[in-house]
C-alpha atoms as a PDB file:
ATOM      1  CA  SER A   1      52.602  93.526 119.643  1.00  0.00           C
ATOM      2  CA  ASP A   2      53.751  94.753 116.188  1.00  0.00           C
ATOM      3  CA  VAL A   3      51.444  97.783 115.935  1.00  0.00           C
ATOM      4  CA  LEU A   4      52.255  98.950 119.479  1.00  0.00           C
ATOM      5  CA  MET A   5      56.158  98.684 118.413  1.00  0.00           C
ATOM      6  CA  TRP A   6      55.599 101.936 116.078  1.00  0.00           C
ATOM      7  CA  ARG A   7      54.163 103.703 118.886  1.00  0.00           C
ATOM      8  CA  TRP A   8      57.207 102.878 121.112  1.00  0.00           C
ATOM      9  CA  TYR A   9      59.473 103.903 117.997  1.00  0.00           C
ATOM     10  CA  THR A  10      57.614 107.317 117.827  1.00  0.00           C
ATOM     11  CA  LEU A  11      57.744 107.648 121.480  1.00  0.00           C
ATOM     12  CA  LEU A  12      61.356 106.790 122.573  1.00  0.00           C
ATOM     13  CA  SER A  13      63.463 106.300 119.294  1.00  0.00           C
ATOM     14  CA  PHE A  14      65.693 109.250 118.203  1.00  0.00           C
ATOM     15  CA  LYS A  15      65.081 108.356 114.860  1.00  0.00           C
ATOM     16  CA  SER A  16      63.449 110.552 112.567  1.00  0.00           C
ATOM     17  CA  MET A  17      59.703 109.672 111.501  1.00  0.00           C
ATOM     18  CA  ALA A  18      61.277 109.304 107.857  1.00  0.00           C
ATOM     19  CA  ASP A  19      63.492 106.932 109.084  1.00  0.00           C
ATOM     20  CA  ILE A  20      60.783 105.030 111.023  1.00  0.00           C
ATOM     21  CA  GLU A  21      58.317 105.134 108.250  1.00  0.00           C
ATOM     22  CA  ALA A  22      61.133 103.370 106.021  1.00  0.00           C
ATOM     23  CA  LEU A  23      61.357 100.679 108.819  1.00  0.00           C
ATOM     24  CA  LYS A  24      57.748 100.058 108.637  1.00  0.00           C
ATOM     25  CA  LYS A  25      58.006  99.692 104.687  1.00  0.00           C
ATOM     26  CA  GLN A  26      60.513  97.136 105.314  1.00  0.00           C
ATOM     27  CA  VAL A  27      58.650  95.279 107.660  1.00  0.00           C
ATOM     28  CA  ALA A  28      55.552  95.326 105.504  1.00  0.00           C
ATOM     29  CA  ASP A  29      58.023  94.238 102.605  1.00  0.00           C
ATOM     30  CA  GLY A  30      58.743  91.208 104.546  1.00  0.00           C
ATOM     31  CA  LEU A  31      61.705  92.078 107.368  1.00  0.00           C
ATOM     32  CA  ASN A  32      61.009  90.210 110.267  1.00  0.00           C
ATOM     33  CA  PRO A  33      59.241  92.318 112.794  1.00  0.00           C
ATOM     34  CA  LYS A  34      61.530  90.853 115.348  1.00  0.00           C
ATOM     35  CA  GLU A  35      64.587  92.810 113.740  1.00  0.00           C
ATOM     36  CA  ALA A  36      62.778  96.109 114.186  1.00  0.00           C
ATOM     37  CA  LYS A  37      62.128  95.310 118.126  1.00  0.00           C
ATOM     38  CA  VAL A  38      65.697  94.422 118.552  1.00  0.00           C
ATOM     39  CA  ALA A  39      66.910  97.577 116.832  1.00  0.00           C
ATOM     40  CA  LEU A  40      64.683  99.619 119.201  1.00  0.00           C
ATOM     41  CA  ALA A  41      65.541  97.549 122.356  1.00  0.00           C
ATOM     42  CA  LYS A  42      69.486  98.116 121.391  1.00  0.00           C
ATOM     43  CA  GLU A  43      68.929 101.803 120.954  1.00  0.00           C
ATOM     44  CA  ILE A  44      67.257 102.608 124.543  1.00  0.00           C
ATOM     45  CA  THR A  45      69.672 100.049 126.208  1.00  0.00           C
ATOM     46  CA  SER A  46      72.691 102.224 124.466  1.00  0.00           C
ATOM     47  CA  ARG A  47      71.190 105.424 125.528  1.00  0.00           C
ATOM     48  CA  PHE A  48      70.834 104.228 129.207  1.00  0.00           C
ATOM     49  CA  HIS A  49      73.584 101.823 129.713  1.00  0.00           C
ATOM     50  CA  GLY A  50      76.118 102.456 126.881  1.00  0.00           C
ATOM     51  CA  ALA A  51      76.754 100.821 123.591  1.00  0.00           C
ATOM     52  CA  ALA A  52      78.887  98.106 125.018  1.00  0.00           C
ATOM     53  CA  ALA A  53      76.116  97.012 127.190  1.00  0.00           C
ATOM     54  CA  ALA A  54      73.612  96.941 124.621  1.00  0.00           C
ATOM     55  CA  ASP A  55      75.761  94.772 122.373  1.00  0.00           C
ATOM     56  CA  ALA A  56      76.449  92.365 125.622  1.00  0.00           C
ATOM     57  CA  ALA A  57      72.416  92.477 126.043  1.00  0.00           C
ATOM     58  CA  GLU A  58      71.829  91.410 122.436  1.00  0.00           C
ATOM     59  CA  GLN A  59      74.323  88.725 122.310  1.00  0.00           C
ATOM     60  CA  ASP A  60      72.747  87.173 125.644  1.00  0.00           C
ATOM     61  CA  PHE A  61      69.651  87.573 124.129  1.00  0.00           C
ATOM     62  CA  ILE A  62      70.788  85.565 121.083  1.00  0.00           C
ATOM     63  CA  ASN A  63      72.559  83.058 123.125  1.00  0.00           C
ATOM     64  CA  ARG A  64      69.192  82.340 125.404  1.00  0.00           C
ATOM     65  CA  SER A  65      67.074  82.203 122.605  1.00  0.00           C
ATOM     66  CA  LYS A  66      68.917  79.485 121.035  1.00  0.00           C
ATOM     67  CA  GLY A  67      68.934  77.435 124.440  1.00  0.00           C
ATOM     68  CA  GLY A  68      72.346  78.851 125.693  1.00  0.00           C
ATOM     69  CA  VAL A  69      73.542  79.673 129.031  1.00  0.00           C
ATOM     70  CA  PRO A  70      73.077  83.360 129.787  1.00  0.00           C
ATOM     71  CA  ASP A  71      76.551  85.157 130.515  1.00  0.00           C
ATOM     72  CA  GLU A  72      75.854  86.005 134.195  1.00  0.00           C
ATOM     73  CA  ILE A  73      74.158  83.186 136.329  1.00  0.00           C
ATOM     74  CA  PRO A  74      73.913  82.710 140.234  1.00  0.00           C
ATOM     75  CA  GLU A  75      76.998  81.022 141.776  1.00  0.00           C
ATOM     76  CA  VAL A  76      75.812  78.523 144.588  1.00  0.00           C
ATOM     77  CA  ASN A  77      78.473  76.825 146.748  1.00  0.00           C
ATOM     78  CA  LEU A  78      76.835  73.650 148.326  1.00  0.00           C
ATOM     79  CA  SER A  79      78.367  70.795 150.429  1.00  0.00           C
ATOM     80  CA  GLY A  80      77.365  67.124 150.820  1.00  0.00           C
ATOM     81  CA  ALA A  81      78.390  65.302 147.688  1.00  0.00           C
ATOM     82  CA  PRO A  82      77.513  63.131 146.742  1.00  0.00           C
ATOM     83  CA  LEU A  83      74.063  65.109 146.738  1.00  0.00           C
ATOM     84  CA  GLY A  84      70.693  63.769 145.192  1.00  0.00           C
ATOM     85  CA  ILE A  85      69.461  66.382 142.471  1.00  0.00           C
ATOM     86  CA  GLY A  86      66.209  66.886 144.119  1.00  0.00           C
ATOM     87  CA  ASN A  87      67.875  67.979 147.379  1.00  0.00           C
ATOM     88  CA  LEU A  88      70.408  70.271 144.949  1.00  0.00           C
ATOM     89  CA  LEU A  89      67.718  71.876 143.493  1.00  0.00           C
ATOM     90  CA  LYS A  90      66.072  72.752 146.507  1.00  0.00           C
ATOM     91  CA  MET A  91      69.223  73.813 148.177  1.00  0.00           C
ATOM     92  CA  ALA A  92      70.244  75.785 145.152  1.00  0.00           C
ATOM     93  CA  GLY A  93      67.065  77.680 145.359  1.00  0.00           C
ATOM     94  CA  LEU A  94      65.870  76.187 141.759  1.00  0.00           C
ATOM     95  CA  ALA A  95      62.802  74.426 143.145  1.00  0.00           C
ATOM     96  CA  PRO A  96      60.861  75.113 146.501  1.00  0.00           C
ATOM     97  CA  SER A  97      60.669  71.429 147.409  1.00  0.00           C
ATOM     98  CA  GLY A  98      61.657  68.217 146.709  1.00  0.00           C
ATOM     99  CA  SER A  99      58.454  66.949 145.161  1.00  0.00           C
ATOM    100  CA  GLU A 100      58.407  70.003 142.764  1.00  0.00           C
ATOM    101  CA  ALA A 101      61.877  69.531 141.757  1.00  0.00           C
ATOM    102  CA  ASN A 102      60.830  65.813 141.113  1.00  0.00           C
ATOM    103  CA  ARG A 103      57.753  66.996 138.996  1.00  0.00           C
ATOM    104  CA  LEU A 104      60.257  69.294 137.401  1.00  0.00           C
ATOM    105  CA  ILE A 105      62.625  66.343 136.396  1.00  0.00           C
ATOM    106  CA  ASP A 106      59.271  64.293 135.410  1.00  0.00           C
ATOM    107  CA  GLY A 107      58.473  67.075 132.878  1.00  0.00           C
ATOM    108  CA  GLY A 108      61.896  67.040 131.450  1.00  0.00           C
ATOM    109  CA  GLY A 109      62.493  70.577 132.812  1.00  0.00           C
ATOM    110  CA  VAL A 110      65.863  70.175 134.456  1.00  0.00           C
ATOM    111  CA  ARG A 111      69.325  69.976 132.945  1.00  0.00           C
ATOM    112  CA  VAL A 112      72.758  69.791 134.363  1.00  0.00           C
ATOM    113  CA  ASP A 113      75.582  70.654 131.875  1.00  0.00           C
ATOM    114  CA  SER A 114      73.041  70.795 128.915  1.00  0.00           C
ATOM    115  CA  SER A 115      72.025  67.336 129.655  1.00  0.00           C
ATOM    116  CA  VAL A 116      68.288  66.468 130.258  1.00  0.00           C
ATOM    117  CA  VAL A 117      67.882  64.734 133.873  1.00  0.00           C
ATOM    118  CA  SER A 118      65.404  62.180 133.687  1.00  0.00           C
ATOM    119  CA  ASP A 119      66.535  59.894 136.626  1.00  0.00           C
ATOM    120  CA  LYS A 120      65.231  61.295 140.016  1.00  0.00           C
ATOM    121  CA  GLY A 121      67.837  59.269 141.815  1.00  0.00           C
ATOM    122  CA  LEU A 122      70.992  61.048 140.082  1.00  0.00           C
ATOM    123  CA  LYS A 123      73.593  61.805 142.743  1.00  0.00           C
ATOM    124  CA  LEU A 124      76.076  64.443 141.858  1.00  0.00           C
ATOM    125  CA  GLU A 125      79.843  64.124 143.107  1.00  0.00           C
ATOM    126  CA  ALA A 126      81.783  66.793 144.086  1.00  0.00           C
ATOM    127  CA  GLY A 127      82.466  69.449 141.051  1.00  0.00           C
ATOM    128  CA  THR A 128      81.186  72.422 139.520  1.00  0.00           C
ATOM    129  CA  TYR A 129      77.744  72.226 137.167  1.00  0.00           C
ATOM    130  CA  VAL A 130      75.567  74.543 135.303  1.00  0.00           C
ATOM    131  CA  VAL A 131      71.880  73.613 136.383  1.00  0.00           C
ATOM    132  CA  GLN A 132      69.073  74.602 134.386  1.00  0.00           C
ATOM    133  CA  VAL A 133      65.441  74.481 135.480  1.00  0.00           C
ATOM    134  CA  GLY A 134      62.763  75.548 132.797  1.00  0.00           C
ATOM    135  CA  LYS A 135      63.954  78.439 130.205  1.00  0.00           C
ATOM    136  CA  ARG A 136      64.966  80.863 132.518  1.00  0.00           C
ATOM    137  CA  LYS A 137      66.362  79.608 135.874  1.00  0.00           C
ATOM    138  CA  PHE A 138      70.011  78.852 136.060  1.00  0.00           C
ATOM    139  CA  ALA A 139      72.938  78.323 138.402  1.00  0.00           C
ATOM    140  CA  ARG A 140      76.592  77.417 138.523  1.00  0.00           C
ATOM    141  CA  VAL A 141      76.844  75.009 141.375  1.00  0.00           C
ATOM    142  CA  HIS A 142      79.978  74.312 143.143  1.00  0.00           C
ATOM    143  CA  LEU A 143      79.268  71.149 145.218  1.00  0.00           C
ATOM    144  CA  SER A 144      82.083  69.903 147.739  1.00  0.00           C
ATOM    145  CA  ALA A 145      82.309  66.643 150.004  1.00  0.00           C
END
């Protein structure tokens, strides 16, 4: 919550109390609280992982919040092309079962190379695909014959 954020600032930030109060005033005057949260996250990440890692994490967050693909996703090698989308999801570990894969497809929660999959009968030929299930599950699938 926004109220808790200020407590985290006082506990975890190296900013002075004057700087924190100034930031509070900016938020009260209309600055989006998300900006202050991102700044705190970046400060803490920099402290433990370095500035470059903090910048990369921020960019990854921006990409993901806009529906993009994260920088690092699991690589999965599968054989058996052409392979049905339900089996691919199950074999890649993106769905626990074929019936759950079908439910996810029916709900519009499966994408292949950024395109929503609506056909449960879709068969993918040999190639490399970025497969997304829901908002957070991704895999780069290398499918061979």
